[in-house]
Amino acid sequence: MITWGDGDPAIPPSLQALHDRAVAMGLPAYRDPATGYLVLTRLRLSEQVGCCGHACRHCPWPAEEQRAAGRQPVRPA
């Protein structure tokens, strides 16, 4: 199961499928149907110089770099 990051809750398979479809289409983001939020894909996030520390859903950076950037684990609602 895929998570946001090290120690974070799992990403539901339906949301992962939306992400994977957006990546396959080369899109930089997709819209989360439950929240309406625009979510950046790992393709878009990997264009950054490094992890921003904002706990992005599909952060492509290693856990060590995420922690070094000050990323905190996502807490379940």
C-alpha atoms as a PDB file:
ATOM      1  CA  MET A   1       0.000   0.000   0.000  1.00  0.00           C
ATOM      2  CA  ILE A   2       1.292   3.482  -0.856  1.00  0.00           C
ATOM      3  CA  THR A   3       1.504   6.273   1.719  1.00  0.00           C
ATOM      4  CA  TRP A   4       2.180  10.007   1.608  1.00  0.00           C
ATOM      5  CA  GLY A   5       5.526   9.433   3.272  1.00  0.00           C
ATOM      6  CA  ASP A   6       7.380   7.530   5.957  1.00  0.00           C
ATOM      7  CA  GLY A   7       4.969   6.916   8.873  1.00  0.00           C
ATOM      8  CA  ASP A   8       1.937   8.433   7.100  1.00  0.00           C
ATOM      9  CA  PRO A   9      -1.475   6.821   6.496  1.00  0.00           C
ATOM     10  CA  ALA A  10      -2.052   4.842   3.309  1.00  0.00           C
ATOM     11  CA  ILE A  11      -3.296   6.551   0.151  1.00  0.00           C
ATOM     12  CA  PRO A  12      -6.602   4.914  -0.869  1.00  0.00           C
ATOM     13  CA  PRO A  13      -6.310   2.806  -4.050  1.00  0.00           C
ATOM     14  CA  SER A  14      -8.903   4.973  -5.831  1.00  0.00           C
ATOM     15  CA  LEU A  15      -6.768   8.099  -5.306  1.00  0.00           C
ATOM     16  CA  GLN A  16      -3.627   6.261  -6.319  1.00  0.00           C
ATOM     17  CA  ALA A  17      -5.417   5.220  -9.533  1.00  0.00           C
ATOM     18  CA  LEU A  18      -6.250   8.883 -10.259  1.00  0.00           C
ATOM     19  CA  HIS A  19      -2.606   9.799  -9.717  1.00  0.00           C
ATOM     20  CA  ASP A  20      -1.346   6.975 -11.921  1.00  0.00           C
ATOM     21  CA  ARG A  21      -3.759   7.975 -14.697  1.00  0.00           C
ATOM     22  CA  ALA A  22      -2.604  11.613 -14.502  1.00  0.00           C
ATOM     23  CA  VAL A  23       1.054  10.516 -14.642  1.00  0.00           C
ATOM     24  CA  ALA A  24       0.347   8.267 -17.656  1.00  0.00           C
ATOM     25  CA  MET A  25      -1.209  11.273 -19.405  1.00  0.00           C
ATOM     26  CA  GLY A  26       1.780  13.480 -18.500  1.00  0.00           C
ATOM     27  CA  LEU A  27      -0.347  15.824 -16.377  1.00  0.00           C
ATOM     28  CA  PRO A  28       1.254  17.887 -13.605  1.00  0.00           C
ATOM     29  CA  ALA A  29      -1.773  17.508 -11.282  1.00  0.00           C
ATOM     30  CA  TYR A  30      -5.181  15.940 -10.765  1.00  0.00           C
ATOM     31  CA  ARG A  31      -8.257  16.982  -8.771  1.00  0.00           C
ATOM     32  CA  ASP A  32      -9.173  14.980  -5.667  1.00  0.00           C
ATOM     33  CA  PRO A  33     -12.892  14.233  -6.115  1.00  0.00           C
ATOM     34  CA  ALA A  34     -13.572  14.085  -2.353  1.00  0.00           C
ATOM     35  CA  THR A  35     -12.044  17.470  -1.492  1.00  0.00           C
ATOM     36  CA  GLY A  36     -11.867  19.302  -4.810  1.00  0.00           C
ATOM     37  CA  TYR A  37      -8.195  20.061  -4.086  1.00  0.00           C
ATOM     38  CA  LEU A  38      -5.670  20.090  -6.898  1.00  0.00           C
ATOM     39  CA  VAL A  39      -2.979  17.491  -6.130  1.00  0.00           C
ATOM     40  CA  LEU A  40       0.463  17.670  -7.766  1.00  0.00           C
ATOM     41  CA  THR A  41       1.748  14.460  -9.334  1.00  0.00           C
ATOM     42  CA  ARG A  42       5.170  13.046  -8.633  1.00  0.00           C
ATOM     43  CA  LEU A  43       6.144  14.198 -12.150  1.00  0.00           C
ATOM     44  CA  ARG A  44       5.512  17.833 -11.195  1.00  0.00           C
ATOM     45  CA  LEU A  45       7.039  17.458  -7.742  1.00  0.00           C
ATOM     46  CA  SER A  46      10.210  15.914  -9.167  1.00  0.00           C
ATOM     47  CA  GLU A  47      10.764  19.109 -11.201  1.00  0.00           C
ATOM     48  CA  GLN A  48      11.541  20.890  -7.921  1.00  0.00           C
ATOM     49  CA  VAL A  49      15.120  21.107  -6.703  1.00  0.00           C
ATOM     50  CA  GLY A  50      14.280  19.015  -3.636  1.00  0.00           C
ATOM     51  CA  CYS A  51      11.611  18.234  -1.087  1.00  0.00           C
ATOM     52  CA  CYS A  52       9.742  21.362   0.057  1.00  0.00           C
ATOM     53  CA  GLY A  53       8.765  19.826   3.411  1.00  0.00           C
ATOM     54  CA  HIS A  54       5.027  20.419   2.904  1.00  0.00           C
ATOM     55  CA  ALA A  55       3.968  16.728   3.090  1.00  0.00           C
ATOM     56  CA  CYS A  56       2.854  16.517  -0.535  1.00  0.00           C
ATOM     57  CA  ARG A  57       0.746  13.449  -1.212  1.00  0.00           C
ATOM     58  CA  HIS A  58       3.064  12.032  -3.901  1.00  0.00           C
ATOM     59  CA  CYS A  59       6.441  13.372  -2.756  1.00  0.00           C
ATOM     60  CA  PRO A  60       9.105  11.596  -4.839  1.00  0.00           C
ATOM     61  CA  TRP A  61      11.992  12.439  -2.505  1.00  0.00           C
ATOM     62  CA  PRO A  62      13.539   9.886  -0.103  1.00  0.00           C
ATOM     63  CA  ALA A  63      12.377   9.890   3.535  1.00  0.00           C
ATOM     64  CA  GLU A  64      15.762  11.267   4.689  1.00  0.00           C
ATOM     65  CA  GLU A  65      15.425  14.298   2.411  1.00  0.00           C
ATOM     66  CA  GLN A  66      11.793  14.807   3.465  1.00  0.00           C
ATOM     67  CA  ARG A  67      12.824  14.856   7.141  1.00  0.00           C
ATOM     68  CA  ALA A  68      15.763  17.195   6.398  1.00  0.00           C
ATOM     69  CA  ALA A  69      13.296  19.599   4.757  1.00  0.00           C
ATOM     70  CA  GLY A  70      11.233  19.622   7.963  1.00  0.00           C
ATOM     71  CA  ARG A  71       8.401  17.457   6.688  1.00  0.00           C
ATOM     72  CA  GLN A  72       6.077  16.250   9.443  1.00  0.00           C
ATOM     73  CA  PRO A  73       4.011  13.057   9.098  1.00  0.00           C
ATOM     74  CA  VAL A  74       0.464  13.491   7.804  1.00  0.00           C
ATOM     75  CA  ARG A  75      -2.017  12.856  10.610  1.00  0.00           C
ATOM     76  CA  PRO A  76      -5.236  10.973   9.791  1.00  0.00           C
ATOM     77  CA  ALA A  77      -8.386  13.085  10.161  1.00  0.00           C
END
